[in-house]
């Protein structure tokens, strides 16, 4: 075999060894996850309290300089190993020597001990980590999002499912955060499109509530404000419309369905009143008395108590309107006096 051929075989063999080594290290990482790196820190970094001359291990700062990373990152691996040692999953630092291999825990439990960001040690980070665990996700994921609100904004703007998840989370947060409620209400009040949307949804909710109370309570309010028992036909129709609305998906628009249900029920209520002479009479009486109360309240508020000089507010049509009102009131009084029972 020639020298060049021999050199080629040696080079190929060396490359194969390097590839095999990479494969073995990759397999070790797949099985152990971050524990593989934590072991390198645990067996190489000097535990606190040990002097430099007492061990071959080095400080976290020196290890970080050799690794080309920050001491803080090294210490996060160090602390993860320390917590696991307290739980009996791995040996303590003092039992490890540089280069020593030990059996490592499964990769699935790594994230229970390792938190990749220093913010996790703050009160805010602790709260985020706790919430993440309650949702069944790794704290590191939640902390990463919290530390990059711009990325969160971009995801919400670009992705409807992300926006939907953010909306659901915000609604949950609003239940326990009065300050956020106030801020959001203020934002809505200052945004015309949102104000219109809120007004539309409020109207739809009110109409659905009107139909729902007929189904649940068996009673309904007439246009004049009477509360009467809903006839079976009216109640059945209200229940039919309500079942259609309840079957809608969460993201479907209920406005048109609510209007249809409300208009149908209102028509049936009017028909019910017209079909019953006694109800019709009571409806007219209730309507008249309601109007009389409103007119009385408005006129009682019409005073000159805060006017020092009537000349400053006088307009010709003021007197004319009051005289017309006086005439209308006199006509009502005359008509009611004729209807009043005599002794």
C-alpha atoms as a PDB file:
ATOM      1  CA  UNK A   1       0.000   0.000   0.000  1.00  0.00           C
ATOM      2  CA  UNK A   2       1.350   3.412  -0.906  1.00  0.00           C
ATOM      3  CA  UNK A   3       2.002   6.124   1.616  1.00  0.00           C
ATOM      4  CA  UNK A   4      -0.837   8.286   0.243  1.00  0.00           C
ATOM      5  CA  UNK A   5      -3.255   5.397   0.495  1.00  0.00           C
ATOM      6  CA  UNK A   6      -2.165   4.688   4.033  1.00  0.00           C
ATOM      7  CA  UNK A   7      -2.624   8.335   4.927  1.00  0.00           C
ATOM      8  CA  UNK A   8      -6.108   8.275   3.430  1.00  0.00           C
ATOM      9  CA  UNK A   9      -7.110   5.204   5.454  1.00  0.00           C
ATOM     10  CA  UNK A  10      -5.823   6.782   8.653  1.00  0.00           C
ATOM     11  CA  UNK A  11      -7.702  10.012   7.943  1.00  0.00           C
ATOM     12  CA  UNK A  12     -10.898   8.109   7.189  1.00  0.00           C
ATOM     13  CA  UNK A  13     -10.544   6.089  10.383  1.00  0.00           C
ATOM     14  CA  UNK A  14      -9.999   9.261  12.417  1.00  0.00           C
ATOM     15  CA  UNK A  15     -13.072  10.835  10.871  1.00  0.00           C
ATOM     16  CA  UNK A  16     -15.080   7.722  11.678  1.00  0.00           C
ATOM     17  CA  UNK A  17     -13.939   7.894  15.293  1.00  0.00           C
ATOM     18  CA  UNK A  18     -14.990  11.540  15.498  1.00  0.00           C
ATOM     19  CA  UNK A  19     -18.393  10.730  14.021  1.00  0.00           C
ATOM     20  CA  UNK A  20     -18.821   7.815  16.421  1.00  0.00           C
ATOM     21  CA  UNK A  21     -17.872  10.037  19.336  1.00  0.00           C
ATOM     22  CA  UNK A  22     -20.438  12.623  18.236  1.00  0.00           C
ATOM     23  CA  UNK A  23     -23.066   9.917  17.953  1.00  0.00           C
ATOM     24  CA  UNK A  24     -22.301   8.588  21.432  1.00  0.00           C
ATOM     25  CA  UNK A  25     -22.438  12.079  22.935  1.00  0.00           C
ATOM     26  CA  UNK A  26     -25.658  12.802  21.083  1.00  0.00           C
ATOM     27  CA  UNK A  27     -27.191   9.580  22.386  1.00  0.00           C
ATOM     28  CA  UNK A  28     -26.099  10.413  25.907  1.00  0.00           C
ATOM     29  CA  UNK A  29     -27.728  13.825  25.643  1.00  0.00           C
ATOM     30  CA  UNK A  30     -30.967  12.387  24.209  1.00  0.00           C
ATOM     31  CA  UNK A  31     -31.207   9.982  27.136  1.00  0.00           C
ATOM     32  CA  UNK A  32     -30.127  12.389  29.863  1.00  0.00           C
ATOM     33  CA  UNK A  33     -30.904  15.824  28.441  1.00  0.00           C
ATOM     34  CA  UNK A  34     -29.383  18.657  30.462  1.00  0.00           C
ATOM     35  CA  UNK A  35     -28.087  16.225  33.068  1.00  0.00           C
ATOM     36  CA  UNK A  36     -25.193  15.389  30.728  1.00  0.00           C
ATOM     37  CA  UNK A  37     -23.997  18.987  30.901  1.00  0.00           C
ATOM     38  CA  UNK A  38     -24.874  19.398  34.565  1.00  0.00           C
ATOM     39  CA  UNK A  39     -22.591  16.433  35.347  1.00  0.00           C
ATOM     40  CA  UNK A  40     -19.689  18.199  33.644  1.00  0.00           C
ATOM     41  CA  UNK A  41     -20.285  21.197  35.907  1.00  0.00           C
ATOM     42  CA  UNK A  42     -20.889  19.113  39.041  1.00  0.00           C
ATOM     43  CA  UNK A  43     -17.644  17.114  38.711  1.00  0.00           C
ATOM     44  CA  UNK A  44     -15.511  20.075  37.616  1.00  0.00           C
ATOM     45  CA  UNK A  45     -16.699  23.100  39.596  1.00  0.00           C
ATOM     46  CA  UNK A  46     -15.461  23.488  43.138  1.00  0.00           C
ATOM     47  CA  UNK A  47     -18.260  23.404  45.749  1.00  0.00           C
ATOM     48  CA  UNK A  48     -18.663  26.409  47.971  1.00  0.00           C
ATOM     49  CA  UNK A  49     -16.507  26.266  51.094  1.00  0.00           C
ATOM     50  CA  UNK A  50     -13.679  24.305  49.475  1.00  0.00           C
ATOM     51  CA  UNK A  51     -10.382  26.113  49.027  1.00  0.00           C
ATOM     52  CA  UNK A  52      -8.615  26.004  45.669  1.00  0.00           C
ATOM     53  CA  UNK A  53      -5.786  23.872  47.032  1.00  0.00           C
ATOM     54  CA  UNK A  54      -8.089  21.206  48.466  1.00  0.00           C
ATOM     55  CA  UNK A  55      -9.381  19.865  45.145  1.00  0.00           C
ATOM     56  CA  UNK A  56      -8.546  19.641  41.464  1.00  0.00           C
ATOM     57  CA  UNK A  57     -11.848  21.324  40.658  1.00  0.00           C
ATOM     58  CA  UNK A  58     -12.019  24.953  39.565  1.00  0.00           C
ATOM     59  CA  UNK A  59     -14.316  27.856  40.320  1.00  0.00           C
ATOM     60  CA  UNK A  60     -17.485  28.511  38.367  1.00  0.00           C
ATOM     61  CA  UNK A  61     -15.876  31.654  36.971  1.00  0.00           C
ATOM     62  CA  UNK A  62     -12.855  29.747  35.672  1.00  0.00           C
ATOM     63  CA  UNK A  63     -15.092  27.014  34.237  1.00  0.00           C
ATOM     64  CA  UNK A  64     -17.193  29.645  32.467  1.00  0.00           C
ATOM     65  CA  UNK A  65     -14.092  31.260  30.958  1.00  0.00           C
ATOM     66  CA  UNK A  66     -12.964  27.889  29.604  1.00  0.00           C
ATOM     67  CA  UNK A  67     -16.474  27.164  28.308  1.00  0.00           C
ATOM     68  CA  UNK A  68     -16.892  30.593  26.735  1.00  0.00           C
ATOM     69  CA  UNK A  69     -20.127  31.379  28.586  1.00  0.00           C
ATOM     70  CA  UNK A  70     -21.232  33.360  31.626  1.00  0.00           C
ATOM     71  CA  UNK A  71     -20.674  32.247  35.235  1.00  0.00           C
ATOM     72  CA  UNK A  72     -24.427  32.741  35.787  1.00  0.00           C
ATOM     73  CA  UNK A  73     -25.206  30.089  33.194  1.00  0.00           C
ATOM     74  CA  UNK A  74     -22.758  27.669  34.798  1.00  0.00           C
ATOM     75  CA  UNK A  75     -24.323  28.274  38.209  1.00  0.00           C
ATOM     76  CA  UNK A  76     -27.805  27.502  36.894  1.00  0.00           C
ATOM     77  CA  UNK A  77     -26.579  24.009  35.987  1.00  0.00           C
ATOM     78  CA  UNK A  78     -24.781  23.829  39.328  1.00  0.00           C
ATOM     79  CA  UNK A  79     -27.962  24.703  41.250  1.00  0.00           C
ATOM     80  CA  UNK A  80     -30.050  22.232  39.260  1.00  0.00           C
ATOM     81  CA  UNK A  81     -27.628  19.445  40.240  1.00  0.00           C
ATOM     82  CA  UNK A  82     -27.650  20.623  43.840  1.00  0.00           C
ATOM     83  CA  UNK A  83     -31.457  20.412  44.036  1.00  0.00           C
ATOM     84  CA  UNK A  84     -31.444  16.952  42.473  1.00  0.00           C
ATOM     85  CA  UNK A  85     -28.791  15.817  44.947  1.00  0.00           C
ATOM     86  CA  UNK A  86     -31.012  16.960  47.815  1.00  0.00           C
ATOM     87  CA  UNK A  87     -33.775  14.762  46.344  1.00  0.00           C
ATOM     88  CA  UNK A  88     -31.442  11.789  46.078  1.00  0.00           C
ATOM     89  CA  UNK A  89     -31.401  11.647  42.269  1.00  0.00           C
ATOM     90  CA  UNK A  90     -27.673  12.328  41.846  1.00  0.00           C
ATOM     91  CA  UNK A  91     -24.528  12.255  44.051  1.00  0.00           C
ATOM     92  CA  UNK A  92     -23.466  15.365  45.935  1.00  0.00           C
ATOM     93  CA  UNK A  93     -20.597  17.435  44.522  1.00  0.00           C
ATOM     94  CA  UNK A  94     -18.162  16.195  47.150  1.00  0.00           C
ATOM     95  CA  UNK A  95     -18.598  12.612  45.931  1.00  0.00           C
ATOM     96  CA  UNK A  96     -17.651  13.482  42.346  1.00  0.00           C
ATOM     97  CA  UNK A  97     -14.181  13.740  40.863  1.00  0.00           C
ATOM     98  CA  UNK A  98     -13.218  15.408  37.570  1.00  0.00           C
ATOM     99  CA  UNK A  99     -13.982  13.102  34.645  1.00  0.00           C
ATOM    100  CA  UNK A 100     -16.089  10.729  36.735  1.00  0.00           C
ATOM    101  CA  UNK A 101     -19.235   9.260  35.136  1.00  0.00           C
ATOM    102  CA  UNK A 102     -22.387   8.377  37.062  1.00  0.00           C
ATOM    103  CA  UNK A 103     -25.841   7.146  36.152  1.00  0.00           C
ATOM    104  CA  UNK A 104     -27.974  10.126  35.262  1.00  0.00           C
ATOM    105  CA  UNK A 105     -31.710  10.735  35.827  1.00  0.00           C
ATOM    106  CA  UNK A 106     -34.151  10.607  32.920  1.00  0.00           C
ATOM    107  CA  UNK A 107     -34.224  13.687  30.708  1.00  0.00           C
ATOM    108  CA  UNK A 108     -37.940  14.229  31.433  1.00  0.00           C
ATOM    109  CA  UNK A 109     -37.231  15.396  34.982  1.00  0.00           C
ATOM    110  CA  UNK A 110     -34.473  17.827  34.007  1.00  0.00           C
ATOM    111  CA  UNK A 111     -36.779  20.802  33.632  1.00  0.00           C
ATOM    112  CA  UNK A 112     -38.170  20.213  37.090  1.00  0.00           C
ATOM    113  CA  UNK A 113     -34.778  21.269  38.459  1.00  0.00           C
ATOM    114  CA  UNK A 114     -33.282  23.569  35.852  1.00  0.00           C
ATOM    115  CA  UNK A 115     -34.551  27.074  35.161  1.00  0.00           C
ATOM    116  CA  UNK A 116     -32.646  28.659  32.341  1.00  0.00           C
ATOM    117  CA  UNK A 117     -33.234  32.287  33.198  1.00  0.00           C
ATOM    118  CA  UNK A 118     -32.148  34.339  36.136  1.00  0.00           C
ATOM    119  CA  UNK A 119     -35.550  36.063  36.177  1.00  0.00           C
ATOM    120  CA  UNK A 120     -36.946  32.869  37.625  1.00  0.00           C
ATOM    121  CA  UNK A 121     -35.382  33.738  40.981  1.00  0.00           C
ATOM    122  CA  UNK A 122     -37.371  36.973  41.226  1.00  0.00           C
ATOM    123  CA  UNK A 123     -40.886  37.207  42.669  1.00  0.00           C
ATOM    124  CA  UNK A 124     -42.200  37.764  39.159  1.00  0.00           C
ATOM    125  CA  UNK A 125     -40.306  34.758  37.831  1.00  0.00           C
ATOM    126  CA  UNK A 126     -41.481  32.573  40.688  1.00  0.00           C
ATOM    127  CA  UNK A 127     -45.105  33.493  39.981  1.00  0.00           C
ATOM    128  CA  UNK A 128     -44.684  32.787  36.272  1.00  0.00           C
ATOM    129  CA  UNK A 129     -43.006  29.450  36.965  1.00  0.00           C
ATOM    130  CA  UNK A 130     -45.803  28.448  39.355  1.00  0.00           C
ATOM    131  CA  UNK A 131     -48.472  29.388  36.811  1.00  0.00           C
ATOM    132  CA  UNK A 132     -46.649  27.428  34.112  1.00  0.00           C
ATOM    133  CA  UNK A 133     -46.536  24.317  36.285  1.00  0.00           C
ATOM    134  CA  UNK A 134     -50.243  24.696  37.014  1.00  0.00           C
ATOM    135  CA  UNK A 135     -50.896  24.743  33.269  1.00  0.00           C
ATOM    136  CA  UNK A 136     -48.752  21.664  32.782  1.00  0.00           C
ATOM    137  CA  UNK A 137     -45.936  23.317  30.804  1.00  0.00           C
ATOM    138  CA  UNK A 138     -42.250  23.848  31.490  1.00  0.00           C
ATOM    139  CA  UNK A 139     -41.486  27.049  33.440  1.00  0.00           C
ATOM    140  CA  UNK A 140     -38.693  27.856  31.002  1.00  0.00           C
ATOM    141  CA  UNK A 141     -41.207  28.255  28.180  1.00  0.00           C
ATOM    142  CA  UNK A 142     -43.339  30.729  30.128  1.00  0.00           C
ATOM    143  CA  UNK A 143     -40.284  32.667  31.321  1.00  0.00           C
ATOM    144  CA  UNK A 144     -38.972  32.930  27.787  1.00  0.00           C
ATOM    145  CA  UNK A 145     -42.242  34.459  26.612  1.00  0.00           C
ATOM    146  CA  UNK A 146     -42.377  36.836  29.593  1.00  0.00           C
ATOM    147  CA  UNK A 147     -38.873  38.087  28.836  1.00  0.00           C
ATOM    148  CA  UNK A 148     -39.707  38.823  25.220  1.00  0.00           C
ATOM    149  CA  UNK A 149     -43.042  40.685  25.064  1.00  0.00           C
ATOM    150  CA  UNK A 150     -42.245  41.913  21.561  1.00  0.00           C
ATOM    151  CA  UNK A 151     -42.195  38.327  20.334  1.00  0.00           C
ATOM    152  CA  UNK A 152     -45.482  37.706  22.139  1.00  0.00           C
ATOM    153  CA  UNK A 153     -47.007  40.757  20.450  1.00  0.00           C
ATOM    154  CA  UNK A 154     -45.807  39.580  17.046  1.00  0.00           C
ATOM    155  CA  UNK A 155     -47.323  36.128  17.579  1.00  0.00           C
ATOM    156  CA  UNK A 156     -50.655  37.619  18.677  1.00  0.00           C
ATOM    157  CA  UNK A 157     -50.777  39.967  15.693  1.00  0.00           C
ATOM    158  CA  UNK A 158     -49.865  37.294  13.155  1.00  0.00           C
ATOM    159  CA  UNK A 159     -51.572  34.175  14.475  1.00  0.00           C
ATOM    160  CA  UNK A 160     -55.330  33.979  15.275  1.00  0.00           C
ATOM    161  CA  UNK A 161     -55.010  30.892  17.549  1.00  0.00           C
ATOM    162  CA  UNK A 162     -52.344  32.701  19.586  1.00  0.00           C
ATOM    163  CA  UNK A 163     -54.556  35.784  19.809  1.00  0.00           C
ATOM    164  CA  UNK A 164     -57.459  33.609  20.954  1.00  0.00           C
ATOM    165  CA  UNK A 165     -55.321  32.000  23.673  1.00  0.00           C
ATOM    166  CA  UNK A 166     -54.120  35.439  24.770  1.00  0.00           C
ATOM    167  CA  UNK A 167     -57.703  36.691  24.964  1.00  0.00           C
ATOM    168  CA  UNK A 168     -58.764  33.740  27.127  1.00  0.00           C
ATOM    169  CA  UNK A 169     -55.797  34.265  29.440  1.00  0.00           C
ATOM    170  CA  UNK A 170     -56.513  37.997  29.675  1.00  0.00           C
ATOM    171  CA  UNK A 171     -60.139  37.347  30.620  1.00  0.00           C
ATOM    172  CA  UNK A 172     -59.006  34.982  33.386  1.00  0.00           C
ATOM    173  CA  UNK A 173     -56.561  37.608  34.633  1.00  0.00           C
ATOM    174  CA  UNK A 174     -59.221  40.332  34.617  1.00  0.00           C
ATOM    175  CA  UNK A 175     -61.291  38.434  37.181  1.00  0.00           C
ATOM    176  CA  UNK A 176     -58.593  38.962  39.804  1.00  0.00           C
ATOM    177  CA  UNK A 177     -57.055  42.264  38.703  1.00  0.00           C
ATOM    178  CA  UNK A 178     -59.279  45.340  39.288  1.00  0.00           C
ATOM    179  CA  UNK A 179     -56.551  47.681  38.023  1.00  0.00           C
ATOM    180  CA  UNK A 180     -56.357  45.840  34.723  1.00  0.00           C
ATOM    181  CA  UNK A 181     -60.148  45.925  34.475  1.00  0.00           C
ATOM    182  CA  UNK A 182     -60.079  49.705  34.803  1.00  0.00           C
ATOM    183  CA  UNK A 183     -57.271  50.096  32.283  1.00  0.00           C
ATOM    184  CA  UNK A 184     -58.987  47.882  29.731  1.00  0.00           C
ATOM    185  CA  UNK A 185     -62.318  49.653  30.205  1.00  0.00           C
ATOM    186  CA  UNK A 186     -60.558  52.968  29.675  1.00  0.00           C
ATOM    187  CA  UNK A 187     -58.899  51.706  26.497  1.00  0.00           C
ATOM    188  CA  UNK A 188     -62.240  50.502  25.149  1.00  0.00           C
ATOM    189  CA  UNK A 189     -63.963  53.794  26.000  1.00  0.00           C
ATOM    190  CA  UNK A 190     -61.284  55.705  24.087  1.00  0.00           C
ATOM    191  CA  UNK A 191     -61.466  53.530  20.970  1.00  0.00           C
ATOM    192  CA  UNK A 192     -64.485  54.169  18.761  1.00  0.00           C
ATOM    193  CA  UNK A 193     -64.492  50.787  17.028  1.00  0.00           C
ATOM    194  CA  UNK A 194     -64.281  48.960  20.356  1.00  0.00           C
ATOM    195  CA  UNK A 195     -67.042  51.114  21.854  1.00  0.00           C
ATOM    196  CA  UNK A 196     -69.326  50.206  18.957  1.00  0.00           C
ATOM    197  CA  UNK A 197     -68.439  46.527  19.278  1.00  0.00           C
ATOM    198  CA  UNK A 198     -69.150  46.585  23.025  1.00  0.00           C
ATOM    199  CA  UNK A 199     -72.484  48.362  22.462  1.00  0.00           C
ATOM    200  CA  UNK A 200     -73.463  45.777  19.853  1.00  0.00           C
ATOM    201  CA  UNK A 201     -72.524  42.847  22.077  1.00  0.00           C
ATOM    202  CA  UNK A 202     -74.272  44.430  25.064  1.00  0.00           C
ATOM    203  CA  UNK A 203     -77.459  44.793  23.061  1.00  0.00           C
ATOM    204  CA  UNK A 204     -77.241  41.185  21.883  1.00  0.00           C
ATOM    205  CA  UNK A 205     -76.638  39.971  25.440  1.00  0.00           C
ATOM    206  CA  UNK A 206     -79.592  41.998  26.709  1.00  0.00           C
ATOM    207  CA  UNK A 207     -81.894  40.548  24.068  1.00  0.00           C
ATOM    208  CA  UNK A 208     -80.739  37.013  24.770  1.00  0.00           C
ATOM    209  CA  UNK A 209     -81.301  37.671  28.476  1.00  0.00           C
ATOM    210  CA  UNK A 210     -84.874  38.797  27.715  1.00  0.00           C
ATOM    211  CA  UNK A 211     -85.563  35.535  25.889  1.00  0.00           C
ATOM    212  CA  UNK A 212     -83.771  33.420  28.474  1.00  0.00           C
ATOM    213  CA  UNK A 213     -85.747  34.748  31.433  1.00  0.00           C
ATOM    214  CA  UNK A 214     -88.978  33.756  29.643  1.00  0.00           C
ATOM    215  CA  UNK A 215     -87.705  30.181  29.386  1.00  0.00           C
ATOM    216  CA  UNK A 216     -86.303  30.013  32.904  1.00  0.00           C
ATOM    217  CA  UNK A 217     -88.955  32.008  34.824  1.00  0.00           C
ATOM    218  CA  UNK A 218     -92.045  31.528  32.647  1.00  0.00           C
ATOM    219  CA  UNK A 219     -92.771  35.263  32.778  1.00  0.00           C
ATOM    220  CA  UNK A 220     -92.353  38.142  30.381  1.00  0.00           C
ATOM    221  CA  UNK A 221     -92.519  41.936  30.448  1.00  0.00           C
ATOM    222  CA  UNK A 222     -94.959  43.708  28.158  1.00  0.00           C
ATOM    223  CA  UNK A 223     -94.026  46.879  26.251  1.00  0.00           C
ATOM    224  CA  UNK A 224     -95.623  48.976  29.003  1.00  0.00           C
ATOM    225  CA  UNK A 225     -93.668  47.174  31.698  1.00  0.00           C
ATOM    226  CA  UNK A 226     -96.208  44.696  33.032  1.00  0.00           C
ATOM    227  CA  UNK A 227     -94.912  41.318  34.136  1.00  0.00           C
ATOM    228  CA  UNK A 228     -97.253  38.550  32.974  1.00  0.00           C
ATOM    229  CA  UNK A 229     -97.163  34.765  32.802  1.00  0.00           C
ATOM    230  CA  UNK A 230     -95.890  33.672  29.386  1.00  0.00           C
ATOM    231  CA  UNK A 231     -98.374  31.540  27.425  1.00  0.00           C
ATOM    232  CA  UNK A 232     -97.220  28.044  26.477  1.00  0.00           C
ATOM    233  CA  UNK A 233     -96.827  28.997  22.804  1.00  0.00           C
ATOM    234  CA  UNK A 234     -94.684  32.006  23.668  1.00  0.00           C
ATOM    235  CA  UNK A 235     -92.528  30.030  26.064  1.00  0.00           C
ATOM    236  CA  UNK A 236     -92.023  27.219  23.534  1.00  0.00           C
ATOM    237  CA  UNK A 237     -90.961  29.675  20.839  1.00  0.00           C
ATOM    238  CA  UNK A 238     -88.539  31.393  23.219  1.00  0.00           C
ATOM    239  CA  UNK A 239     -87.064  28.013  24.154  1.00  0.00           C
ATOM    240  CA  UNK A 240     -86.629  27.098  20.479  1.00  0.00           C
ATOM    241  CA  UNK A 241     -84.737  30.300  19.703  1.00  0.00           C
ATOM    242  CA  UNK A 242     -82.635  29.998  22.842  1.00  0.00           C
ATOM    243  CA  UNK A 243     -81.587  26.440  21.979  1.00  0.00           C
ATOM    244  CA  UNK A 244     -80.395  27.642  18.567  1.00  0.00           C
ATOM    245  CA  UNK A 245     -78.328  30.375  20.191  1.00  0.00           C
ATOM    246  CA  UNK A 246     -76.837  28.008  22.781  1.00  0.00           C
ATOM    247  CA  UNK A 247     -75.726  25.658  19.997  1.00  0.00           C
ATOM    248  CA  UNK A 248     -73.616  28.348  18.324  1.00  0.00           C
ATOM    249  CA  UNK A 249     -69.858  27.994  18.509  1.00  0.00           C
ATOM    250  CA  UNK A 250     -68.053  30.344  20.872  1.00  0.00           C
ATOM    251  CA  UNK A 251     -66.566  32.390  18.035  1.00  0.00           C
ATOM    252  CA  UNK A 252     -69.831  32.730  16.060  1.00  0.00           C
ATOM    253  CA  UNK A 253     -71.635  36.074  15.947  1.00  0.00           C
ATOM    254  CA  UNK A 254     -74.809  35.945  18.043  1.00  0.00           C
ATOM    255  CA  UNK A 255     -76.087  39.388  17.033  1.00  0.00           C
ATOM    256  CA  UNK A 256     -78.363  38.304  14.179  1.00  0.00           C
ATOM    257  CA  UNK A 257     -79.673  35.310  16.127  1.00  0.00           C
ATOM    258  CA  UNK A 258     -80.366  37.462  19.179  1.00  0.00           C
ATOM    259  CA  UNK A 259     -82.256  40.035  17.102  1.00  0.00           C
ATOM    260  CA  UNK A 260     -84.367  37.366  15.426  1.00  0.00           C
ATOM    261  CA  UNK A 261     -85.234  35.761  18.766  1.00  0.00           C
ATOM    262  CA  UNK A 262     -86.015  39.088  20.410  1.00  0.00           C
ATOM    263  CA  UNK A 263     -88.224  40.358  17.562  1.00  0.00           C
ATOM    264  CA  UNK A 264     -90.140  37.079  17.383  1.00  0.00           C
ATOM    265  CA  UNK A 265     -90.788  37.021  21.107  1.00  0.00           C
ATOM    266  CA  UNK A 266     -91.775  40.710  21.192  1.00  0.00           C
ATOM    267  CA  UNK A 267     -94.313  40.146  18.413  1.00  0.00           C
ATOM    268  CA  UNK A 268     -95.804  37.210  20.302  1.00  0.00           C
ATOM    269  CA  UNK A 269     -96.012  39.299  23.482  1.00  0.00           C
ATOM    270  CA  UNK A 270     -97.862  42.057  21.607  1.00  0.00           C
ATOM    271  CA  UNK A 271    -100.245  39.484  20.126  1.00  0.00           C
ATOM    272  CA  UNK A 272    -100.838  38.042  23.588  1.00  0.00           C
ATOM    273  CA  UNK A 273    -101.758  41.465  24.966  1.00  0.00           C
ATOM    274  CA  UNK A 274    -104.045  42.315  22.041  1.00  0.00           C
ATOM    275  CA  UNK A 275    -105.839  38.994  22.263  1.00  0.00           C
ATOM    276  CA  UNK A 276    -106.820  39.539  25.912  1.00  0.00           C
ATOM    277  CA  UNK A 277    -109.194  42.496  26.560  1.00  0.00           C
ATOM    278  CA  UNK A 278    -108.304  42.679  30.232  1.00  0.00           C
ATOM    279  CA  UNK A 279    -104.585  42.652  29.500  1.00  0.00           C
ATOM    280  CA  UNK A 280    -105.044  45.224  26.749  1.00  0.00           C
ATOM    281  CA  UNK A 281    -106.852  47.551  29.108  1.00  0.00           C
ATOM    282  CA  UNK A 282    -104.231  47.120  31.837  1.00  0.00           C
ATOM    283  CA  UNK A 283    -101.493  47.726  29.267  1.00  0.00           C
ATOM    284  CA  UNK A 284    -103.037  51.078  28.276  1.00  0.00           C
ATOM    285  CA  UNK A 285    -103.469  52.041  31.928  1.00  0.00           C
ATOM    286  CA  UNK A 286     -99.853  51.085  32.738  1.00  0.00           C
ATOM    287  CA  UNK A 287     -98.515  52.922  29.709  1.00  0.00           C
ATOM    288  CA  UNK A 288    -100.447  56.099  30.528  1.00  0.00           C
ATOM    289  CA  UNK A 289     -99.394  56.078  34.177  1.00  0.00           C
ATOM    290  CA  UNK A 290     -95.757  55.471  33.217  1.00  0.00           C
ATOM    291  CA  UNK A 291     -95.828  58.453  30.861  1.00  0.00           C
ATOM    292  CA  UNK A 292     -97.481  60.571  33.551  1.00  0.00           C
ATOM    293  CA  UNK A 293     -94.739  59.712  36.049  1.00  0.00           C
ATOM    294  CA  UNK A 294     -92.021  60.592  33.549  1.00  0.00           C
ATOM    295  CA  UNK A 295     -93.682  63.896  32.658  1.00  0.00           C
ATOM    296  CA  UNK A 296     -94.151  64.748  36.324  1.00  0.00           C
ATOM    297  CA  UNK A 297     -90.499  64.083  37.088  1.00  0.00           C
ATOM    298  CA  UNK A 298     -89.327  66.206  34.160  1.00  0.00           C
ATOM    299  CA  UNK A 299     -91.597  69.112  35.076  1.00  0.00           C
ATOM    300  CA  UNK A 300     -90.555  68.964  38.740  1.00  0.00           C
ATOM    301  CA  UNK A 301     -86.976  69.442  37.616  1.00  0.00           C
ATOM    302  CA  UNK A 302     -87.992  72.488  35.543  1.00  0.00           C
ATOM    303  CA  UNK A 303     -87.409  75.316  38.023  1.00  0.00           C
ATOM    304  CA  UNK A 304     -85.976  78.797  38.071  1.00  0.00           C
ATOM    305  CA  UNK A 305     -84.175  78.346  41.388  1.00  0.00           C
ATOM    306  CA  UNK A 306     -80.743  78.890  39.847  1.00  0.00           C
ATOM    307  CA  UNK A 307     -81.788  81.807  37.637  1.00  0.00           C
ATOM    308  CA  UNK A 308     -81.171  85.292  39.041  1.00  0.00           C
ATOM    309  CA  UNK A 309     -82.631  87.178  36.088  1.00  0.00           C
ATOM    310  CA  UNK A 310     -85.252  85.553  33.852  1.00  0.00           C
ATOM    311  CA  UNK A 311     -84.469  88.047  31.096  1.00  0.00           C
ATOM    312  CA  UNK A 312     -81.145  86.315  30.530  1.00  0.00           C
ATOM    313  CA  UNK A 313     -82.759  82.999  29.556  1.00  0.00           C
ATOM    314  CA  UNK A 314     -86.047  84.138  28.024  1.00  0.00           C
ATOM    315  CA  UNK A 315     -86.949  82.889  24.552  1.00  0.00           C
ATOM    316  CA  UNK A 316     -90.268  83.450  22.798  1.00  0.00           C
ATOM    317  CA  UNK A 317     -90.980  79.792  22.215  1.00  0.00           C
ATOM    318  CA  UNK A 318     -90.491  78.979  25.934  1.00  0.00           C
ATOM    319  CA  UNK A 319     -93.721  80.693  26.891  1.00  0.00           C
ATOM    320  CA  UNK A 320     -95.547  79.280  23.863  1.00  0.00           C
ATOM    321  CA  UNK A 321     -94.511  75.713  24.677  1.00  0.00           C
ATOM    322  CA  UNK A 322     -95.512  76.068  28.329  1.00  0.00           C
ATOM    323  CA  UNK A 323     -98.920  77.447  27.321  1.00  0.00           C
ATOM    324  CA  UNK A 324     -99.412  74.507  24.937  1.00  0.00           C
ATOM    325  CA  UNK A 325     -98.388  72.143  27.710  1.00  0.00           C
ATOM    326  CA  UNK A 326    -100.823  73.815  30.096  1.00  0.00           C
ATOM    327  CA  UNK A 327    -103.615  73.386  27.574  1.00  0.00           C
ATOM    328  CA  UNK A 328    -102.772  69.690  27.056  1.00  0.00           C
ATOM    329  CA  UNK A 329    -102.697  69.097  30.818  1.00  0.00           C
ATOM    330  CA  UNK A 330    -106.066  70.847  31.214  1.00  0.00           C
ATOM    331  CA  UNK A 331    -107.572  68.621  28.525  1.00  0.00           C
ATOM    332  CA  UNK A 332    -106.285  65.507  30.289  1.00  0.00           C
ATOM    333  CA  UNK A 333    -107.651  66.692  33.608  1.00  0.00           C
ATOM    334  CA  UNK A 334    -111.077  67.429  32.052  1.00  0.00           C
ATOM    335  CA  UNK A 335    -111.206  64.003  30.385  1.00  0.00           C
ATOM    336  CA  UNK A 336    -110.243  62.173  33.559  1.00  0.00           C
ATOM    337  CA  UNK A 337    -112.748  64.146  35.627  1.00  0.00           C
ATOM    338  CA  UNK A 338    -115.525  62.983  33.319  1.00  0.00           C
ATOM    339  CA  UNK A 339    -114.366  59.395  33.770  1.00  0.00           C
ATOM    340  CA  UNK A 340    -114.045  59.683  37.524  1.00  0.00           C
ATOM    341  CA  UNK A 341    -116.777  57.826  39.447  1.00  0.00           C
ATOM    342  CA  UNK A 342    -119.373  59.979  41.132  1.00  0.00           C
ATOM    343  CA  UNK A 343    -120.728  59.431  44.612  1.00  0.00           C
END
